[in-house]
Amino acid sequence: MAEHIVTSFDDDLKDLARRIAEVGGLAERAVDQAVRALTAVDLAVARKVIESDDHIDALQREIEERAILVIARRQPMAQDLREVMAAIHIANDLERVGDLAKNTAKRVIAIDGQFQPKQFVHGVEHLADLALEQLKNVLDAYASHDLEQALSVWKHDNEIDVLYTSLFRELLTYMMEDPRNISFCTHLLFCAKNIERIGDHATNIAEIVNYVITGVQLTDERPKKDTSSLTSIEYKEA
């Protein structure tokens, strides 16, 4: 009987991990499509991203409900309990990633028909590439219980912050140089912030993976180098 219970619990954990992988894949796809919609100003793709968010939300709720049911039935302890709670927290982070992708897609619809210098979008694309790489790596670390890979994601969050700050300053410069750029660049700033936040959620997941494996919370201060709030704008008289 005990062996049967252990086997059933293992199946429960595998089911939660499978569902996390599913929602993670959907979140990654939503981010990728939102950025592609932005670069091409593709309203059809943007609308698909917005519509897909309901599916991500539904999966997140399913994971939470399944995890609560597992706790009620199995009463797990120690690492087993951490595994179940991790599924809940990671699903929440991925649901937020989906929301940020949706918000970016909404910006695509908002900028339709505005003055759109294509070169301004390149920085956002690069930022998205980094954030998606972080997200993929941390989901792989969760699936394989790879502590080293999870900590690597945690340590490299500052790379996204540095790029975001640089992009923030670049877009401000474009706005000051030509008033026609203001509206479009403002939308891009919001998109860039959405993507920077996706990197933060990947880092959250890395911290969760560390806790699942070690049972110890990361106590070091998270490496952050987003200095956009400290950026000053100097106006020079002509």
Protein backbone atom coordinates (compact mmCIF):
# COMPACT_ATOMS: atom_id res chain seq x y z
CA MET A 1 0.00 0.00 0.00
CA ALA A 2 2.81 2.43 0.91
CA GLU A 3 4.51 1.78 -2.43
CA HIS A 4 1.23 2.41 -4.21
CA ILE A 5 0.83 5.75 -2.41
CA VAL A 6 4.38 6.79 -3.29
CA THR A 7 3.83 5.88 -6.94
CA SER A 8 0.59 7.85 -7.03
CA PHE A 9 2.27 10.87 -5.47
CA ASP A 10 5.09 10.68 -8.02
CA ASP A 11 2.46 10.65 -10.76
CA ASP A 12 0.86 13.75 -9.20
CA LEU A 13 4.20 15.58 -9.25
CA LYS A 14 4.86 14.55 -12.85
CA ASP A 15 1.42 15.81 -13.82
CA LEU A 16 2.12 19.19 -12.21
CA ALA A 17 5.50 19.39 -13.97
CA ARG A 18 3.86 18.54 -17.29
CA ARG A 19 1.29 21.28 -16.82
CA ILE A 20 4.02 23.78 -15.92
CA ALA A 21 5.86 22.84 -19.11
CA GLU A 22 2.66 23.40 -21.09
CA VAL A 23 1.89 26.82 -19.68
CA GLY A 24 5.57 27.75 -19.93
CA GLY A 25 5.60 26.91 -23.62
CA LEU A 26 2.47 28.97 -24.19
CA ALA A 27 3.95 31.93 -22.30
CA GLU A 28 7.18 31.77 -24.32
CA ARG A 29 5.20 31.63 -27.56
CA ALA A 30 3.03 34.58 -26.52
CA VAL A 31 6.09 36.74 -25.82
CA ASP A 32 7.74 35.77 -29.10
CA GLN A 33 4.58 36.47 -31.10
CA ALA A 34 3.97 39.79 -29.33
CA VAL A 35 7.46 41.01 -30.24
CA ARG A 36 7.10 39.79 -33.83
CA ALA A 37 3.77 41.60 -34.03
CA LEU A 38 5.50 44.73 -32.76
CA THR A 39 8.33 44.62 -35.29
CA ALA A 40 5.96 44.02 -38.20
CA VAL A 41 3.03 46.02 -36.78
CA ASP A 42 0.96 42.89 -37.41
CA LEU A 43 -2.44 43.47 -35.84
CA ALA A 44 -3.68 39.95 -36.60
CA VAL A 45 -0.83 38.35 -34.65
CA ALA A 46 -1.27 40.89 -31.86
CA ARG A 47 -4.94 39.95 -31.50
CA LYS A 48 -4.04 36.24 -31.38
CA VAL A 49 -1.68 36.94 -28.49
CA ILE A 50 -4.42 38.79 -26.62
CA GLU A 51 -6.89 35.97 -27.21
CA SER A 52 -4.39 33.29 -26.13
CA ASP A 53 -4.04 34.84 -22.68
CA ASP A 54 -7.34 33.27 -21.57
CA HIS A 55 -5.87 29.82 -22.15
CA ILE A 56 -2.79 30.64 -20.09
CA ASP A 57 -4.99 31.96 -17.28
CA ALA A 58 -7.10 28.81 -17.34
CA LEU A 59 -4.05 26.56 -17.15
CA GLN A 60 -2.67 28.55 -14.24
CA ARG A 61 -5.91 28.05 -12.33
CA GLU A 62 -5.87 24.32 -13.13
CA ILE A 63 -2.35 23.97 -11.76
CA GLU A 64 -3.29 25.78 -8.58
CA GLU A 65 -6.37 23.63 -8.09
CA ARG A 66 -4.43 20.42 -8.78
CA ALA A 67 -1.68 21.41 -6.35
CA ILE A 68 -4.16 22.20 -3.59
CA LEU A 69 -5.82 18.83 -4.17
CA VAL A 70 -2.45 17.06 -3.95
CA ILE A 71 -1.70 18.78 -0.63
CA ALA A 72 -5.11 17.79 0.75
CA ARG A 73 -4.79 14.16 -0.35
CA ARG A 74 -1.11 13.45 0.22
CA GLN A 75 -0.16 15.87 3.00
CA PRO A 76 3.40 16.16 1.67
CA MET A 77 6.29 17.37 3.81
CA ALA A 78 9.80 18.77 3.31
CA GLN A 79 10.96 18.64 -0.33
CA ASP A 80 7.70 17.03 -1.48
CA LEU A 81 5.77 20.01 -0.15
CA ARG A 82 8.26 22.41 -1.71
CA GLU A 83 7.72 20.71 -5.08
CA VAL A 84 3.97 21.22 -4.91
CA MET A 85 4.20 24.83 -3.70
CA ALA A 86 6.77 25.55 -6.41
CA ALA A 87 4.25 24.53 -9.06
CA ILE A 88 1.78 27.06 -7.70
CA HIS A 89 4.31 29.91 -7.59
CA ILE A 90 5.85 29.15 -10.98
CA ALA A 91 2.42 28.96 -12.60
CA ASN A 92 1.66 32.41 -11.16
CA ASP A 93 4.89 33.82 -12.60
CA LEU A 94 4.13 32.32 -16.00
CA GLU A 95 0.60 33.72 -15.91
CA ARG A 96 2.13 37.17 -15.34
CA VAL A 97 4.48 36.60 -18.28
CA GLY A 98 1.40 35.92 -20.39
CA ASP A 99 -0.16 39.15 -19.15
CA LEU A 100 2.96 41.11 -20.09
CA ALA A 101 2.92 39.57 -23.57
CA LYS A 102 -0.75 40.54 -23.87
CA ASN A 103 0.00 44.11 -22.76
CA THR A 104 2.73 44.34 -25.40
CA ALA A 105 0.31 43.09 -28.04
CA LYS A 106 -2.18 45.77 -26.99
CA ARG A 107 0.51 48.38 -27.60
CA VAL A 108 0.88 47.06 -31.16
CA ILE A 109 -2.78 47.78 -31.79
CA ALA A 110 -2.45 51.23 -30.18
CA ILE A 111 0.45 52.31 -32.43
CA ASP A 112 -1.24 51.26 -35.69
CA GLY A 113 -0.97 54.08 -38.22
CA GLN A 114 1.52 56.14 -36.23
CA PHE A 115 4.95 57.28 -37.39
CA GLN A 116 7.03 54.11 -37.01
CA PRO A 117 10.82 54.30 -37.54
CA LYS A 118 11.77 50.64 -37.86
CA GLN A 119 15.27 51.06 -36.42
CA PHE A 120 13.78 52.02 -33.04
CA VAL A 121 12.41 48.49 -32.59
CA HIS A 122 15.76 46.68 -32.87
CA GLY A 123 16.66 47.32 -29.23
CA VAL A 124 13.33 45.89 -28.08
CA GLU A 125 13.94 42.78 -30.19
CA HIS A 126 17.36 42.25 -28.60
CA LEU A 127 15.90 42.73 -25.13
CA ALA A 128 13.18 40.18 -25.90
CA ASP A 129 15.76 37.67 -27.16
CA LEU A 130 17.60 37.88 -23.83
CA ALA A 131 14.42 37.64 -21.75
CA LEU A 132 13.16 34.63 -23.72
CA GLU A 133 16.53 32.91 -23.36
CA GLN A 134 16.38 33.44 -19.60
CA LEU A 135 12.82 32.12 -19.46
CA LYS A 136 13.66 29.02 -21.51
CA ASN A 137 16.77 28.29 -19.43
CA VAL A 138 14.98 28.58 -16.11
CA LEU A 139 12.13 26.34 -17.26
CA ASP A 140 14.71 23.78 -18.36
CA ALA A 141 16.36 24.12 -14.93
CA TYR A 142 13.01 23.49 -13.25
CA ALA A 143 12.27 20.44 -15.39
CA SER A 144 15.70 18.88 -14.79
CA HIS A 145 16.25 20.15 -11.22
CA ASP A 146 19.47 21.77 -12.43
CA LEU A 147 20.61 24.07 -9.61
CA GLU A 148 23.61 25.39 -11.52
CA GLN A 149 21.48 26.44 -14.47
CA ALA A 150 18.89 28.08 -12.20
CA LEU A 151 21.59 30.10 -10.41
CA SER A 152 23.05 31.12 -13.77
CA VAL A 153 19.69 32.63 -14.73
CA TRP A 154 19.52 34.42 -11.37
CA LYS A 155 23.01 35.87 -11.77
CA HIS A 156 22.46 37.08 -15.34
CA ASP A 157 19.31 39.12 -14.71
CA ASN A 158 21.49 42.23 -14.61
CA GLU A 159 22.27 41.83 -18.33
CA ILE A 160 18.63 42.48 -19.14
CA ASP A 161 18.58 45.43 -16.75
CA VAL A 162 21.66 47.01 -18.36
CA LEU A 163 20.20 46.62 -21.86
CA TYR A 164 16.83 47.98 -20.73
CA THR A 165 18.46 51.07 -19.20
CA SER A 166 20.46 51.66 -22.39
CA LEU A 167 17.33 51.30 -24.51
CA PHE A 168 15.41 53.62 -22.19
CA ARG A 169 18.02 56.36 -22.68
CA GLU A 170 18.19 55.77 -26.43
CA LEU A 171 14.44 56.14 -26.85
CA LEU A 172 14.42 59.31 -24.75
CA THR A 173 17.07 60.74 -27.06
CA TYR A 174 14.99 59.95 -30.13
CA MET A 175 11.99 61.67 -28.52
CA MET A 176 13.98 64.84 -27.82
CA GLU A 177 15.46 64.92 -31.31
CA ASP A 178 12.14 64.78 -33.16
CA PRO A 179 8.66 65.37 -31.65
CA ARG A 180 7.20 62.97 -34.22
CA ASN A 181 8.94 60.16 -32.37
CA ILE A 182 7.32 60.86 -29.00
CA SER A 183 4.15 58.79 -29.31
CA PHE A 184 5.76 55.76 -30.93
CA CYS A 185 8.75 55.77 -28.57
CA THR A 186 6.46 56.06 -25.56
CA HIS A 187 4.71 52.86 -26.62
CA LEU A 188 8.10 51.22 -27.12
CA LEU A 189 9.16 52.24 -23.63
CA PHE A 190 6.13 50.46 -22.19
CA CYS A 191 6.89 47.39 -24.33
CA ALA A 192 10.51 47.39 -23.19
CA LYS A 193 9.42 47.61 -19.55
CA ASN A 194 7.05 44.68 -20.07
CA ILE A 195 9.93 42.61 -21.43
CA GLU A 196 12.27 43.65 -18.61
CA ARG A 197 9.63 42.46 -16.16
CA ILE A 198 9.53 39.10 -17.96
CA GLY A 199 13.22 38.78 -17.09
CA ASP A 200 12.32 39.47 -13.46
CA HIS A 201 9.77 36.65 -13.50
CA ALA A 202 12.40 34.29 -14.91
CA THR A 203 14.60 35.28 -11.98
CA ASN A 204 11.72 34.63 -9.57
CA ILE A 205 11.42 31.12 -10.96
CA ALA A 206 15.18 30.61 -10.57
CA GLU A 207 14.84 31.47 -6.87
CA ILE A 208 11.98 28.99 -6.53
CA VAL A 209 14.01 26.22 -8.19
CA ASN A 210 16.88 26.94 -5.81
CA TYR A 211 14.54 26.64 -2.83
CA VAL A 212 13.01 23.38 -4.08
CA ILE A 213 16.43 21.77 -4.47
CA THR A 214 18.24 23.18 -1.42
CA GLY A 215 15.44 24.03 1.00
CA VAL A 216 17.17 27.38 1.58
CA GLN A 217 16.08 30.80 0.33
CA LEU A 218 18.60 32.89 -1.58
CA THR A 219 19.66 35.58 0.88
CA ASP A 220 21.99 37.53 -1.42
CA GLU A 221 20.55 40.70 -2.88
CA ARG A 222 19.22 40.08 -6.35
CA PRO A 223 21.59 41.58 -8.96
CA LYS A 224 19.71 44.57 -10.39
CA LYS A 225 21.14 47.19 -12.72
CA ASP A 226 18.02 48.95 -13.96
CA THR A 227 18.96 52.61 -13.50
CA SER A 228 16.29 54.03 -15.80
CA SER A 229 14.61 55.77 -12.86
CA LEU A 230 17.85 57.68 -12.25
CA THR A 231 18.22 58.83 -15.84
CA SER A 232 18.32 62.59 -16.15
CA ILE A 233 17.35 64.51 -19.27
CA GLU A 234 19.35 67.58 -20.18
CA TYR A 235 17.77 70.13 -22.52
CA LYS A 236 20.13 72.40 -24.44
CA GLU A 237 19.03 75.69 -25.91
CA ALA A 238 19.47 75.93 -29.66
